[in-house]
């Protein structure tokens, strides 16, 4: 059932993103989905590794809404920096600790950092990410700690 749902989802995504419904393009989409499903099935057979979806759906939707607002604010800040005649760039690499327990939540946090204009997750460590900031200031640590807190709220509590 999971395989069928995944195939239908991928094919619908292909159709939505291509926006072209000619037989040849739809055929390419179908062949691509079948190829992806075969490769995925072989990878699962080789290692059995699966990602656990341990996120709260409603909290995730709230987080994504919050993230969109933060991305808009960061876009405005980066635009001001780039258009400023003095271009006040203060590049800096610094470590940002994370509190997420699952791999999926850690990936969500790292990608959220990278999606926010002016910051990029460069490297991951056992307990932190190395982040590059375009215009570093002390408030960046506070903002990323707030983002970490928001991502952690989307995570279901993992019991061991």
N, C-alpha and C. Protein backbone atom coordinates (compact mmCIF):
# COMPACT_ATOMS: atom_id res chain seq x y z
N UNK A 1 0.83 -1.19 0.00
CA UNK A 1 0.00 0.00 0.00
C UNK A 1 0.87 1.26 0.00
N UNK A 2 1.95 1.21 0.79
CA UNK A 2 2.86 2.35 0.86
C UNK A 2 3.50 2.62 -0.51
N UNK A 3 3.85 1.55 -1.21
CA UNK A 3 4.47 1.69 -2.52
C UNK A 3 3.52 2.34 -3.51
N UNK A 4 2.27 1.91 -3.49
CA UNK A 4 1.27 2.49 -4.40
C UNK A 4 1.05 3.97 -4.09
N UNK A 5 0.91 4.29 -2.81
CA UNK A 5 0.72 5.69 -2.41
C UNK A 5 1.91 6.54 -2.86
N UNK A 6 3.12 6.03 -2.65
CA UNK A 6 4.32 6.77 -3.04
C UNK A 6 4.36 6.99 -4.55
N UNK A 7 4.04 5.95 -5.32
CA UNK A 7 4.06 6.06 -6.78
C UNK A 7 3.02 7.08 -7.25
N UNK A 8 1.83 7.02 -6.70
CA UNK A 8 0.78 7.97 -7.09
C UNK A 8 1.18 9.39 -6.72
N UNK A 9 1.74 9.55 -5.53
CA UNK A 9 2.19 10.87 -5.10
C UNK A 9 3.28 11.42 -6.01
N UNK A 10 4.27 10.60 -6.33
CA UNK A 10 5.36 11.04 -7.21
C UNK A 10 4.84 11.40 -8.60
N UNK A 11 3.92 10.59 -9.12
CA UNK A 11 3.38 10.87 -10.44
C UNK A 11 2.56 12.16 -10.44
N UNK A 12 1.76 12.36 -9.40
CA UNK A 12 0.98 13.61 -9.28
C UNK A 12 1.92 14.81 -9.16
N UNK A 13 2.98 14.66 -8.40
CA UNK A 13 3.96 15.74 -8.27
C UNK A 13 4.62 16.03 -9.62
N UNK A 14 4.94 14.99 -10.36
CA UNK A 14 5.53 15.15 -11.70
C UNK A 14 4.59 15.95 -12.59
N UNK A 15 3.32 15.55 -12.61
CA UNK A 15 2.34 16.24 -13.45
C UNK A 15 2.17 17.70 -13.03
N UNK A 16 2.09 17.92 -11.73
CA UNK A 16 1.91 19.28 -11.21
C UNK A 16 3.09 20.17 -11.56
N UNK A 17 4.30 19.65 -11.40
CA UNK A 17 5.48 20.48 -11.62
C UNK A 17 5.81 20.65 -13.11
N UNK A 18 5.48 19.66 -13.93
CA UNK A 18 5.78 19.81 -15.35
C UNK A 18 4.77 20.75 -16.01
N UNK A 19 3.51 20.61 -15.66
CA UNK A 19 2.48 21.47 -16.23
C UNK A 19 2.21 21.19 -17.70
N UNK A 20 2.81 20.15 -18.24
CA UNK A 20 2.63 19.77 -19.65
C UNK A 20 2.00 18.38 -19.66
N UNK A 21 0.90 18.24 -20.35
CA UNK A 21 0.16 16.99 -20.31
C UNK A 21 0.12 16.29 -21.67
N UNK A 22 1.19 16.43 -22.42
CA UNK A 22 1.32 15.72 -23.70
C UNK A 22 1.69 14.27 -23.40
N UNK A 23 1.27 13.36 -24.25
CA UNK A 23 1.52 11.93 -23.98
C UNK A 23 2.99 11.59 -23.74
N UNK A 24 3.89 12.18 -24.51
CA UNK A 24 5.30 11.86 -24.34
C UNK A 24 5.80 12.30 -22.95
N UNK A 25 5.42 13.49 -22.51
CA UNK A 25 5.86 13.99 -21.20
C UNK A 25 5.24 13.16 -20.08
N UNK A 26 3.96 12.83 -20.21
CA UNK A 26 3.31 11.98 -19.21
C UNK A 26 3.99 10.61 -19.18
N UNK A 27 4.35 10.10 -20.34
CA UNK A 27 5.07 8.83 -20.40
C UNK A 27 6.42 8.90 -19.72
N UNK A 28 7.16 10.00 -19.95
CA UNK A 28 8.44 10.19 -19.24
C UNK A 28 8.22 10.20 -17.74
N UNK A 29 7.16 10.84 -17.31
CA UNK A 29 6.85 10.88 -15.88
C UNK A 29 6.58 9.50 -15.33
N UNK A 30 5.79 8.71 -16.05
CA UNK A 30 5.47 7.35 -15.61
C UNK A 30 6.72 6.49 -15.55
N UNK A 31 7.56 6.58 -16.58
CA UNK A 31 8.81 5.80 -16.59
C UNK A 31 9.72 6.24 -15.44
N UNK A 32 9.79 7.53 -15.19
CA UNK A 32 10.62 8.04 -14.08
C UNK A 32 10.14 7.51 -12.74
N UNK A 33 8.82 7.52 -12.54
CA UNK A 33 8.27 7.02 -11.27
C UNK A 33 8.57 5.53 -11.11
N UNK A 34 8.40 4.76 -12.17
CA UNK A 34 8.69 3.33 -12.09
C UNK A 34 10.18 3.12 -11.77
N UNK A 35 11.05 3.86 -12.42
CA UNK A 35 12.49 3.75 -12.17
C UNK A 35 12.82 4.11 -10.72
N UNK A 36 12.23 5.18 -10.22
CA UNK A 36 12.45 5.58 -8.82
C UNK A 36 11.96 4.49 -7.87
N UNK A 37 10.82 3.92 -8.15
CA UNK A 37 10.28 2.88 -7.27
C UNK A 37 11.17 1.63 -7.28
N UNK A 38 11.71 1.26 -8.44
CA UNK A 38 12.61 0.10 -8.53
C UNK A 38 13.89 0.36 -7.73
N UNK A 39 14.48 1.54 -7.93
CA UNK A 39 15.72 1.88 -7.21
C UNK A 39 15.46 1.93 -5.70
N UNK A 40 14.35 2.52 -5.30
CA UNK A 40 14.02 2.61 -3.88
C UNK A 40 13.81 1.22 -3.28
N UNK A 41 13.12 0.36 -4.00
CA UNK A 41 12.86 -1.01 -3.52
C UNK A 41 14.19 -1.75 -3.33
N UNK A 42 15.12 -1.59 -4.29
CA UNK A 42 16.42 -2.25 -4.18
C UNK A 42 17.23 -1.69 -3.01
N UNK A 43 17.16 -0.38 -2.81
CA UNK A 43 17.89 0.23 -1.69
C UNK A 43 17.33 -0.27 -0.37
N UNK A 44 15.99 -0.37 -0.26
CA UNK A 44 15.39 -0.88 0.97
C UNK A 44 15.78 -2.33 1.22
N UNK A 45 15.87 -3.11 0.17
CA UNK A 45 16.27 -4.51 0.32
C UNK A 45 17.71 -4.64 0.77
N UNK A 46 18.55 -3.70 0.34
CA UNK A 46 19.97 -3.77 0.68
C UNK A 46 20.25 -3.39 2.12
N UNK A 47 19.60 -2.34 2.61
CA UNK A 47 19.95 -1.88 3.96
C UNK A 47 18.78 -1.81 4.93
N UNK A 48 17.56 -1.81 4.46
CA UNK A 48 16.41 -1.78 5.36
C UNK A 48 16.28 -0.49 6.15
N UNK A 49 17.03 0.52 5.79
CA UNK A 49 17.02 1.79 6.53
C UNK A 49 15.81 2.63 6.11
N UNK A 50 15.02 3.04 7.07
CA UNK A 50 13.85 3.87 6.79
C UNK A 50 13.87 5.08 7.72
N UNK A 51 13.31 6.16 7.21
CA UNK A 51 13.19 7.38 8.02
C UNK A 51 11.89 7.30 8.80
N UNK A 52 11.98 7.48 10.10
CA UNK A 52 10.79 7.51 10.94
C UNK A 52 10.19 8.91 10.89
N UNK A 53 8.92 9.00 10.60
CA UNK A 53 8.24 10.29 10.56
C UNK A 53 7.69 10.58 11.95
N UNK A 54 8.56 11.06 12.81
CA UNK A 54 8.18 11.34 14.20
C UNK A 54 7.93 12.81 14.42
N UNK A 55 7.16 13.42 13.51
CA UNK A 55 6.81 14.82 13.64
C UNK A 55 5.31 14.95 13.84
N UNK A 56 4.90 15.97 14.60
CA UNK A 56 3.48 16.24 14.81
C UNK A 56 2.98 17.06 13.62
N UNK A 57 2.02 16.56 12.87
CA UNK A 57 1.57 17.24 11.65
C UNK A 57 1.09 18.68 11.88
N UNK A 58 0.26 18.90 12.88
CA UNK A 58 -0.26 20.26 13.12
C UNK A 58 0.84 21.21 13.58
N UNK A 59 1.73 20.72 14.41
CA UNK A 59 2.86 21.55 14.85
C UNK A 59 3.78 21.86 13.67
N UNK A 60 3.94 20.91 12.76
CA UNK A 60 4.77 21.12 11.58
C UNK A 60 4.17 22.21 10.68
N UNK A 61 2.86 22.19 10.50
CA UNK A 61 2.20 23.23 9.70
C UNK A 61 2.40 24.60 10.35
N UNK A 62 2.25 24.67 11.67
CA UNK A 62 2.49 25.93 12.38
C UNK A 62 3.93 26.39 12.23
N UNK A 63 4.87 25.44 12.30
CA UNK A 63 6.28 25.78 12.14
C UNK A 63 6.55 26.32 10.74
N UNK A 64 5.99 25.67 9.73
CA UNK A 64 6.23 26.12 8.36
C UNK A 64 5.67 27.53 8.13
N UNK A 65 4.53 27.84 8.74
CA UNK A 65 3.99 29.20 8.64
C UNK A 65 4.94 30.19 9.31
N UNK A 66 5.44 29.83 10.49
CA UNK A 66 6.40 30.69 11.20
C UNK A 66 7.67 30.86 10.36
N UNK A 67 8.13 29.76 9.75
CA UNK A 67 9.35 29.81 8.94
C UNK A 67 9.18 30.73 7.73
N UNK A 68 8.03 30.70 7.09
CA UNK A 68 7.80 31.59 5.95
C UNK A 68 7.91 33.06 6.34
N UNK A 69 7.40 33.39 7.51
CA UNK A 69 7.52 34.77 8.00
C UNK A 69 8.99 35.11 8.25
N UNK A 70 9.73 34.18 8.85
CA UNK A 70 11.15 34.41 9.11
C UNK A 70 11.95 34.54 7.81
N UNK A 71 11.60 33.75 6.82
CA UNK A 71 12.28 33.84 5.52
C UNK A 71 12.01 35.21 4.89
N UNK A 72 10.78 35.68 4.99
CA UNK A 72 10.44 37.01 4.44
C UNK A 72 11.24 38.10 5.15
N UNK A 73 11.33 38.02 6.48
CA UNK A 73 12.11 39.02 7.23
C UNK A 73 13.59 38.97 6.84
N UNK A 74 14.13 37.76 6.69
CA UNK A 74 15.54 37.62 6.32
C UNK A 74 15.77 38.10 4.90
N UNK A 75 14.82 37.86 4.01
CA UNK A 75 14.93 38.38 2.64
C UNK A 75 15.05 39.89 2.65
N UNK A 76 14.22 40.54 3.44
CA UNK A 76 14.26 41.99 3.54
C UNK A 76 15.61 42.46 4.07
N UNK A 77 16.12 41.80 5.10
CA UNK A 77 17.41 42.20 5.69
C UNK A 77 18.55 42.02 4.69
N UNK A 78 18.56 40.90 3.98
CA UNK A 78 19.63 40.66 3.00
C UNK A 78 19.52 41.65 1.84
N UNK A 79 18.30 41.96 1.42
CA UNK A 79 18.11 42.95 0.35
C UNK A 79 18.67 44.30 0.76
N UNK A 80 18.40 44.71 1.99
CA UNK A 80 18.94 45.99 2.49
C UNK A 80 20.47 45.98 2.49
N UNK A 81 21.06 44.86 2.89
CA UNK A 81 22.53 44.76 2.93
C UNK A 81 23.11 44.85 1.53
N UNK A 82 22.53 44.10 0.60
CA UNK A 82 23.06 44.06 -0.76
C UNK A 82 22.89 45.40 -1.47
N UNK A 83 21.78 46.08 -1.23
CA UNK A 83 21.53 47.35 -1.91
C UNK A 83 22.18 48.55 -1.22
N UNK A 84 22.69 48.34 -0.03
CA UNK A 84 23.36 49.42 0.69
C UNK A 84 24.68 49.78 0.01
N UNK A 85 24.97 51.07 -0.15
CA UNK A 85 26.24 51.47 -0.78
C UNK A 85 27.46 50.97 -0.01
N UNK A 86 27.35 50.89 1.32
CA UNK A 86 28.48 50.43 2.14
C UNK A 86 28.57 48.91 2.19
N UNK A 87 27.48 48.23 1.85
CA UNK A 87 27.38 46.78 1.89
C UNK A 87 28.01 46.20 3.17
N UNK A 88 27.33 46.37 4.31
CA UNK A 88 27.89 45.95 5.60
C UNK A 88 27.90 44.44 5.80
N UNK A 89 28.81 43.78 5.10
CA UNK A 89 28.92 42.32 5.20
C UNK A 89 29.92 41.96 6.29
N UNK A 90 29.49 41.09 7.21
CA UNK A 90 30.35 40.59 8.27
C UNK A 90 30.24 39.05 8.27
N UNK A 91 30.93 38.42 7.33
CA UNK A 91 30.85 36.97 7.22
C UNK A 91 31.44 36.31 8.46
N UNK A 92 30.81 35.22 8.85
CA UNK A 92 31.27 34.56 10.06
C UNK A 92 30.81 33.10 10.05
N UNK A 93 31.69 32.19 10.45
CA UNK A 93 31.34 30.79 10.66
C UNK A 93 31.20 30.56 12.16
N UNK A 94 30.12 29.93 12.56
CA UNK A 94 29.91 29.68 13.98
C UNK A 94 29.10 28.40 14.16
N UNK A 95 29.20 27.82 15.33
CA UNK A 95 28.49 26.57 15.62
C UNK A 95 27.16 26.88 16.29
N UNK A 96 26.15 26.13 15.86
CA UNK A 96 24.81 26.27 16.41
C UNK A 96 24.41 24.90 16.98
N UNK A 97 24.22 24.81 18.29
CA UNK A 97 23.79 23.53 18.86
C UNK A 97 22.34 23.22 18.48
N UNK A 98 22.03 21.93 18.37
CA UNK A 98 20.64 21.55 18.11
C UNK A 98 20.15 20.63 19.21
N UNK A 99 18.83 20.66 19.43
CA UNK A 99 18.24 19.87 20.51
C UNK A 99 17.34 18.76 19.98
N UNK A 100 17.26 18.58 18.67
CA UNK A 100 16.39 17.57 18.11
C UNK A 100 16.96 16.17 18.34
N UNK A 101 16.07 15.21 18.54
CA UNK A 101 16.49 13.84 18.82
C UNK A 101 16.47 12.96 17.57
N UNK A 102 15.59 13.28 16.61
CA UNK A 102 15.49 12.42 15.42
C UNK A 102 16.26 13.04 14.25
N UNK A 103 16.69 12.17 13.36
CA UNK A 103 17.40 12.64 12.17
C UNK A 103 16.54 13.56 11.32
N UNK A 104 15.26 13.22 11.19
CA UNK A 104 14.36 14.03 10.36
C UNK A 104 14.24 15.45 10.90
N UNK A 105 14.10 15.60 12.20
CA UNK A 105 13.99 16.93 12.79
C UNK A 105 15.30 17.70 12.66
N UNK A 106 16.43 17.01 12.77
CA UNK A 106 17.72 17.67 12.58
C UNK A 106 17.88 18.15 11.14
N UNK A 107 17.43 17.35 10.18
CA UNK A 107 17.47 17.75 8.78
C UNK A 107 16.55 18.94 8.55
N UNK A 108 15.38 18.92 9.18
CA UNK A 108 14.45 20.04 9.07
C UNK A 108 15.09 21.33 9.59
N UNK A 109 15.79 21.24 10.71
CA UNK A 109 16.45 22.41 11.28
C UNK A 109 17.58 22.90 10.37
N UNK A 110 18.43 21.99 9.90
CA UNK A 110 19.55 22.39 9.03
C UNK A 110 19.04 23.00 7.73
N UNK A 111 18.01 22.42 7.15
CA UNK A 111 17.46 22.98 5.91
C UNK A 111 16.76 24.31 6.15
N UNK A 112 16.15 24.47 7.31
CA UNK A 112 15.52 25.75 7.64
C UNK A 112 16.56 26.86 7.75
N UNK A 113 17.72 26.52 8.31
CA UNK A 113 18.82 27.49 8.39
C UNK A 113 19.23 27.90 6.99
N UNK A 114 19.39 26.91 6.11
CA UNK A 114 19.84 27.19 4.74
C UNK A 114 18.78 27.93 3.94
N UNK A 115 17.50 27.65 4.18
CA UNK A 115 16.42 28.35 3.48
C UNK A 115 16.34 29.82 3.87
N UNK A 116 16.77 30.14 5.06
CA UNK A 116 16.72 31.52 5.53
C UNK A 116 17.84 32.30 4.85
N UNK A 117 17.52 33.31 4.05
CA UNK A 117 18.55 34.06 3.33
C UNK A 117 19.60 34.65 4.28
N UNK A 118 20.85 34.53 3.87
CA UNK A 118 21.95 35.07 4.65
C UNK A 118 22.64 34.05 5.53
N UNK A 119 22.06 32.84 5.64
CA UNK A 119 22.69 31.80 6.45
C UNK A 119 22.70 30.48 5.67
N UNK A 120 23.73 29.69 5.90
CA UNK A 120 23.86 28.39 5.24
C UNK A 120 24.41 27.39 6.26
N UNK A 121 23.78 26.23 6.34
CA UNK A 121 24.33 25.13 7.14
C UNK A 121 25.46 24.51 6.33
N UNK A 122 26.67 24.58 6.86
CA UNK A 122 27.84 24.12 6.12
C UNK A 122 28.19 22.68 6.46
N UNK A 123 28.08 22.33 7.72
CA UNK A 123 28.54 21.02 8.17
C UNK A 123 27.74 20.61 9.40
N UNK A 124 27.55 19.32 9.57
CA UNK A 124 26.87 18.86 10.78
C UNK A 124 27.85 18.08 11.64
N UNK A 125 27.73 18.30 12.92
CA UNK A 125 28.53 17.58 13.89
C UNK A 125 27.61 16.74 14.75
N UNK A 126 28.15 16.08 15.77
CA UNK A 126 27.32 15.22 16.61
C UNK A 126 26.26 15.99 17.39
N UNK A 127 26.55 17.23 17.77
CA UNK A 127 25.61 18.00 18.59
C UNK A 127 25.35 19.40 18.07
N UNK A 128 25.93 19.73 16.90
CA UNK A 128 25.77 21.09 16.40
C UNK A 128 25.95 21.15 14.88
N UNK A 129 25.59 22.30 14.33
CA UNK A 129 25.81 22.58 12.92
C UNK A 129 26.79 23.73 12.81
N UNK A 130 27.64 23.67 11.79
CA UNK A 130 28.50 24.79 11.47
C UNK A 130 27.73 25.64 10.47
N UNK A 131 27.53 26.91 10.80
CA UNK A 131 26.69 27.80 10.00
C UNK A 131 27.52 28.98 9.51
N UNK A 132 27.31 29.37 8.26
CA UNK A 132 27.93 30.58 7.71
C UNK A 132 26.87 31.66 7.65
N UNK A 133 27.20 32.84 8.16
CA UNK A 133 26.27 33.98 8.11
C UNK A 133 26.89 35.07 7.25
N UNK A 134 26.07 35.69 6.43
CA UNK A 134 26.52 36.77 5.55
C UNK A 134 26.81 38.04 6.33
N UNK A 135 25.93 38.37 7.25
CA UNK A 135 26.08 39.59 8.05
C UNK A 135 25.85 39.21 9.51
N UNK A 136 26.87 38.63 10.12
CA UNK A 136 26.75 38.09 11.47
C UNK A 136 26.59 39.18 12.51
N UNK A 137 25.70 38.92 13.45
CA UNK A 137 25.57 39.75 14.65
C UNK A 137 25.19 38.83 15.80
N UNK A 138 25.29 39.33 17.01
CA UNK A 138 25.03 38.50 18.19
C UNK A 138 23.60 37.97 18.21
N UNK A 139 22.67 38.70 17.61
CA UNK A 139 21.27 38.26 17.60
C UNK A 139 21.06 37.00 16.74
N UNK A 140 21.99 36.69 15.85
CA UNK A 140 21.85 35.50 15.02
C UNK A 140 21.78 34.24 15.88
N UNK A 141 22.59 34.19 16.93
CA UNK A 141 22.56 33.03 17.83
C UNK A 141 21.19 32.90 18.50
N UNK A 142 20.62 34.02 18.91
CA UNK A 142 19.31 34.00 19.55
C UNK A 142 18.23 33.57 18.55
N UNK A 143 18.30 34.08 17.33
CA UNK A 143 17.31 33.73 16.31
C UNK A 143 17.39 32.24 15.96
N UNK A 144 18.60 31.72 15.87
CA UNK A 144 18.74 30.30 15.55
C UNK A 144 18.34 29.41 16.74
N UNK A 145 18.55 29.89 17.94
CA UNK A 145 18.07 29.15 19.12
C UNK A 145 16.55 29.12 19.12
N UNK A 146 15.92 30.21 18.71
CA UNK A 146 14.46 30.25 18.61
C UNK A 146 13.98 29.29 17.52
N UNK A 147 14.68 29.24 16.39
CA UNK A 147 14.33 28.31 15.32
C UNK A 147 14.48 26.87 15.82
N UNK A 148 15.55 26.59 16.56
CA UNK A 148 15.77 25.27 17.13
C UNK A 148 14.61 24.88 18.03
N UNK A 149 14.16 25.82 18.85
CA UNK A 149 13.05 25.57 19.77
C UNK A 149 11.77 25.24 18.98
N UNK A 150 11.52 26.01 17.92
CA UNK A 150 10.32 25.78 17.11
C UNK A 150 10.36 24.41 16.43
N UNK A 151 11.53 24.03 15.91
CA UNK A 151 11.65 22.72 15.26
C UNK A 151 11.45 21.62 16.30
N UNK A 152 12.01 21.78 17.48
CA UNK A 152 11.87 20.77 18.53
C UNK A 152 10.42 20.58 18.94
N UNK A 153 9.61 21.63 18.85
CA UNK A 153 8.18 21.51 19.18
C UNK A 153 7.42 20.67 18.17
N UNK A 154 7.95 20.52 16.95
CA UNK A 154 7.28 19.70 15.93
C UNK A 154 7.57 18.22 16.12
N UNK A 155 8.55 17.93 16.95
CA UNK A 155 9.02 16.56 17.12
C UNK A 155 8.20 15.84 18.19
N UNK A 156 7.80 14.62 17.87
CA UNK A 156 7.16 13.80 18.89
C UNK A 156 8.21 13.39 19.90
N UNK A 157 7.81 13.27 21.14
CA UNK A 157 8.77 12.87 22.16
C UNK A 157 9.19 11.43 21.93
N UNK A 158 10.47 11.22 21.80
CA UNK A 158 11.01 9.88 21.54
C UNK A 158 11.29 9.22 22.88
N UNK A 159 10.69 8.06 23.09
CA UNK A 159 10.94 7.32 24.33
C UNK A 159 11.83 6.13 24.00
N UNK A 160 12.81 5.92 24.84
CA UNK A 160 13.73 4.79 24.61
C UNK A 160 13.61 3.76 25.68
